[in-house]
Amino acid sequence: MERRPPKATDQEEIQKAFLILKECMQLNHQIEPTLWVGAFWSILVDGYNSCGVSYDEFTKEWDRFKHHYKPWFDE
């Protein structure tokens, strides 16, 4: 997978997307919160797939960034 150079606004854009998705979840209480993971994964897979990323490349990318989120959990 060819990586694009980082932009100064990347983190700000990620925060905007996070807040939009969180608001979507909060406005749709009829969907159990734990079920949103399937929708989020589908969005990620669709995005990577539309960029021509293979399944193996996608899973390697996931392995690289999943450790970033480990501190969010109390273990």
N, C-alpha and C. Protein backbone atom coordinates (compact mmCIF):
# COMPACT_ATOMS: atom_id res chain seq x y z
N MET A 1 0.84 -1.18 0.00
CA MET A 1 0.00 0.00 0.00
C MET A 1 0.88 1.24 0.00
N GLU A 2 0.62 2.13 -0.91
CA GLU A 2 1.39 3.37 -0.98
C GLU A 2 0.80 4.36 0.02
N ARG A 3 1.65 4.83 0.90
CA ARG A 3 1.18 5.78 1.91
C ARG A 3 1.28 7.20 1.38
N ARG A 4 0.30 7.99 1.71
CA ARG A 4 0.36 9.39 1.34
C ARG A 4 1.11 10.14 2.43
N PRO A 5 1.72 11.25 2.07
CA PRO A 5 2.42 12.02 3.11
C PRO A 5 1.41 12.60 4.10
N PRO A 6 1.77 12.64 5.37
CA PRO A 6 0.85 13.21 6.36
C PRO A 6 0.62 14.70 6.11
N LYS A 7 -0.57 15.15 6.47
CA LYS A 7 -0.91 16.57 6.38
C LYS A 7 -1.05 17.13 7.80
N ALA A 8 -0.81 18.39 7.93
CA ALA A 8 -0.90 19.04 9.25
C ALA A 8 -2.31 18.96 9.82
N THR A 9 -3.31 18.81 8.97
CA THR A 9 -4.71 18.79 9.41
C THR A 9 -5.26 17.39 9.65
N ASP A 10 -4.46 16.36 9.48
CA ASP A 10 -4.95 14.98 9.59
C ASP A 10 -5.63 14.71 10.93
N GLN A 11 -5.00 15.06 12.02
CA GLN A 11 -5.58 14.75 13.33
C GLN A 11 -6.89 15.50 13.54
N GLU A 12 -6.93 16.74 13.06
CA GLU A 12 -8.16 17.53 13.16
C GLU A 12 -9.29 16.88 12.36
N GLU A 13 -8.98 16.39 11.17
CA GLU A 13 -9.99 15.73 10.34
C GLU A 13 -10.45 14.41 10.97
N ILE A 14 -9.53 13.69 11.57
CA ILE A 14 -9.89 12.45 12.27
C ILE A 14 -10.84 12.76 13.42
N GLN A 15 -10.55 13.81 14.17
CA GLN A 15 -11.41 14.21 15.29
C GLN A 15 -12.81 14.57 14.78
N LYS A 16 -12.91 15.29 13.67
CA LYS A 16 -14.21 15.64 13.10
C LYS A 16 -14.99 14.38 12.74
N ALA A 17 -14.33 13.43 12.07
CA ALA A 17 -15.00 12.19 11.68
C ALA A 17 -15.46 11.41 12.91
N PHE A 18 -14.60 11.35 13.92
CA PHE A 18 -14.94 10.65 15.16
C PHE A 18 -16.20 11.25 15.79
N LEU A 19 -16.26 12.57 15.86
CA LEU A 19 -17.42 13.23 16.47
C LEU A 19 -18.69 13.03 15.64
N ILE A 20 -18.57 13.01 14.33
CA ILE A 20 -19.74 12.75 13.47
C ILE A 20 -20.27 11.34 13.72
N LEU A 21 -19.37 10.36 13.77
CA LEU A 21 -19.80 8.98 14.00
C LEU A 21 -20.38 8.80 15.40
N LYS A 22 -19.77 9.44 16.38
CA LYS A 22 -20.27 9.34 17.75
C LYS A 22 -21.67 9.96 17.86
N GLU A 23 -21.87 11.10 17.21
CA GLU A 23 -23.18 11.73 17.21
C GLU A 23 -24.22 10.84 16.53
N CYS A 24 -23.82 10.20 15.45
CA CYS A 24 -24.71 9.26 14.75
C CYS A 24 -25.17 8.16 15.70
N MET A 25 -24.23 7.63 16.46
CA MET A 25 -24.57 6.58 17.42
C MET A 25 -25.53 7.10 18.48
N GLN A 26 -25.26 8.29 18.99
CA GLN A 26 -26.09 8.86 20.06
C GLN A 26 -27.50 9.21 19.58
N LEU A 27 -27.63 9.53 18.31
CA LEU A 27 -28.95 9.89 17.76
C LEU A 27 -29.76 8.67 17.34
N ASN A 28 -29.17 7.51 17.38
CA ASN A 28 -29.84 6.28 16.93
C ASN A 28 -29.81 5.22 18.03
N HIS A 29 -30.52 5.52 19.11
CA HIS A 29 -30.54 4.60 20.27
C HIS A 29 -31.19 3.26 19.95
N GLN A 30 -31.96 3.19 18.87
CA GLN A 30 -32.60 1.92 18.52
C GLN A 30 -31.59 0.87 18.08
N ILE A 31 -30.36 1.32 17.78
CA ILE A 31 -29.30 0.38 17.43
C ILE A 31 -28.40 0.22 18.65
N GLU A 32 -28.29 -1.01 19.13
CA GLU A 32 -27.46 -1.30 20.30
C GLU A 32 -26.02 -0.85 20.02
N PRO A 33 -25.38 -0.14 20.95
CA PRO A 33 -24.04 0.40 20.72
C PRO A 33 -23.01 -0.61 20.25
N THR A 34 -23.07 -1.83 20.76
CA THR A 34 -22.07 -2.82 20.36
C THR A 34 -22.26 -3.31 18.92
N LEU A 35 -23.43 -3.05 18.32
CA LEU A 35 -23.66 -3.48 16.94
C LEU A 35 -23.05 -2.53 15.92
N TRP A 36 -22.67 -1.34 16.35
CA TRP A 36 -22.08 -0.38 15.43
C TRP A 36 -20.73 -0.85 14.90
N VAL A 37 -20.07 -1.73 15.62
CA VAL A 37 -18.75 -2.19 15.18
C VAL A 37 -18.81 -2.81 13.79
N GLY A 38 -19.86 -3.55 13.49
CA GLY A 38 -20.01 -4.14 12.16
C GLY A 38 -20.09 -3.08 11.08
N ALA A 39 -20.84 -2.01 11.36
CA ALA A 39 -20.96 -0.91 10.40
C ALA A 39 -19.63 -0.19 10.23
N PHE A 40 -18.94 0.05 11.32
CA PHE A 40 -17.66 0.74 11.24
C PHE A 40 -16.63 -0.08 10.46
N TRP A 41 -16.58 -1.38 10.75
CA TRP A 41 -15.64 -2.24 10.02
C TRP A 41 -15.97 -2.25 8.53
N SER A 42 -17.27 -2.29 8.22
CA SER A 42 -17.67 -2.29 6.82
C SER A 42 -17.24 -1.01 6.12
N ILE A 43 -17.33 0.12 6.81
CA ILE A 43 -16.88 1.39 6.25
C ILE A 43 -15.38 1.34 6.00
N LEU A 44 -14.62 0.84 6.97
CA LEU A 44 -13.17 0.74 6.81
C LEU A 44 -12.79 -0.16 5.63
N VAL A 45 -13.40 -1.33 5.59
CA VAL A 45 -13.09 -2.29 4.52
C VAL A 45 -13.46 -1.69 3.16
N ASP A 46 -14.62 -1.07 3.08
CA ASP A 46 -15.05 -0.46 1.83
C ASP A 46 -14.07 0.63 1.38
N GLY A 47 -13.61 1.44 2.32
CA GLY A 47 -12.66 2.50 1.99
C GLY A 47 -11.33 1.96 1.51
N TYR A 48 -10.79 1.00 2.22
CA TYR A 48 -9.52 0.41 1.80
C TYR A 48 -9.67 -0.33 0.48
N ASN A 49 -10.76 -1.06 0.34
CA ASN A 49 -10.99 -1.82 -0.89
C ASN A 49 -11.13 -0.89 -2.10
N SER A 50 -11.80 0.24 -1.92
CA SER A 50 -11.98 1.17 -3.04
C SER A 50 -10.67 1.84 -3.45
N CYS A 51 -9.68 1.78 -2.57
CA CYS A 51 -8.35 2.32 -2.89
C CYS A 51 -7.43 1.25 -3.47
N GLY A 52 -7.96 0.04 -3.68
CA GLY A 52 -7.17 -1.03 -4.28
C GLY A 52 -6.29 -1.78 -3.31
N VAL A 53 -6.55 -1.64 -2.02
CA VAL A 53 -5.76 -2.33 -1.00
C VAL A 53 -6.23 -3.78 -0.91
N SER A 54 -5.29 -4.71 -0.89
CA SER A 54 -5.66 -6.13 -0.77
C SER A 54 -6.02 -6.46 0.67
N TYR A 55 -6.66 -7.62 0.84
CA TYR A 55 -7.02 -8.08 2.19
C TYR A 55 -5.77 -8.21 3.06
N ASP A 56 -4.70 -8.80 2.50
CA ASP A 56 -3.47 -8.96 3.28
C ASP A 56 -2.89 -7.61 3.69
N GLU A 57 -2.89 -6.64 2.77
CA GLU A 57 -2.40 -5.30 3.11
C GLU A 57 -3.26 -4.65 4.18
N PHE A 58 -4.58 -4.84 4.07
CA PHE A 58 -5.50 -4.28 5.07
C PHE A 58 -5.23 -4.85 6.45
N THR A 59 -5.07 -6.17 6.53
CA THR A 59 -4.84 -6.77 7.86
C THR A 59 -3.47 -6.38 8.41
N LYS A 60 -2.48 -6.21 7.56
CA LYS A 60 -1.17 -5.74 8.04
C LYS A 60 -1.28 -4.31 8.57
N GLU A 61 -2.04 -3.49 7.87
CA GLU A 61 -2.25 -2.10 8.32
C GLU A 61 -2.96 -2.10 9.68
N TRP A 62 -3.99 -2.93 9.82
CA TRP A 62 -4.70 -3.03 11.09
C TRP A 62 -3.74 -3.44 12.21
N ASP A 63 -2.89 -4.42 11.95
CA ASP A 63 -1.93 -4.85 12.96
C ASP A 63 -1.00 -3.71 13.38
N ARG A 64 -0.68 -2.82 12.43
CA ARG A 64 0.21 -1.70 12.75
C ARG A 64 -0.47 -0.64 13.61
N PHE A 65 -1.74 -0.36 13.36
CA PHE A 65 -2.34 0.74 14.11
C PHE A 65 -3.20 0.34 15.30
N LYS A 66 -3.52 -0.92 15.46
CA LYS A 66 -4.40 -1.31 16.57
C LYS A 66 -3.75 -1.07 17.92
N HIS A 67 -2.43 -1.11 17.97
CA HIS A 67 -1.73 -0.89 19.25
C HIS A 67 -1.89 0.55 19.73
N HIS A 68 -2.18 1.46 18.81
CA HIS A 68 -2.40 2.86 19.17
C HIS A 68 -3.58 2.99 20.14
N TYR A 69 -4.55 2.09 20.03
CA TYR A 69 -5.77 2.18 20.83
C TYR A 69 -5.74 1.37 22.11
N LYS A 70 -4.70 0.60 22.35
CA LYS A 70 -4.62 -0.21 23.55
C LYS A 70 -4.77 0.62 24.83
N PRO A 71 -4.17 1.80 24.93
CA PRO A 71 -4.31 2.59 26.15
C PRO A 71 -5.75 3.03 26.45
N TRP A 72 -6.66 2.94 25.47
CA TRP A 72 -8.05 3.32 25.72
C TRP A 72 -8.75 2.32 26.65
N PHE A 73 -8.15 1.15 26.83
CA PHE A 73 -8.76 0.10 27.64
C PHE A 73 -8.02 -0.04 28.97
N ASP A 74 -8.77 -0.26 30.01
CA ASP A 74 -8.18 -0.51 31.33
C ASP A 74 -7.93 -1.99 31.48
N GLU A 75 -6.68 -2.38 31.40
CA GLU A 75 -6.38 -3.81 31.52
C GLU A 75 -5.38 -4.03 32.61
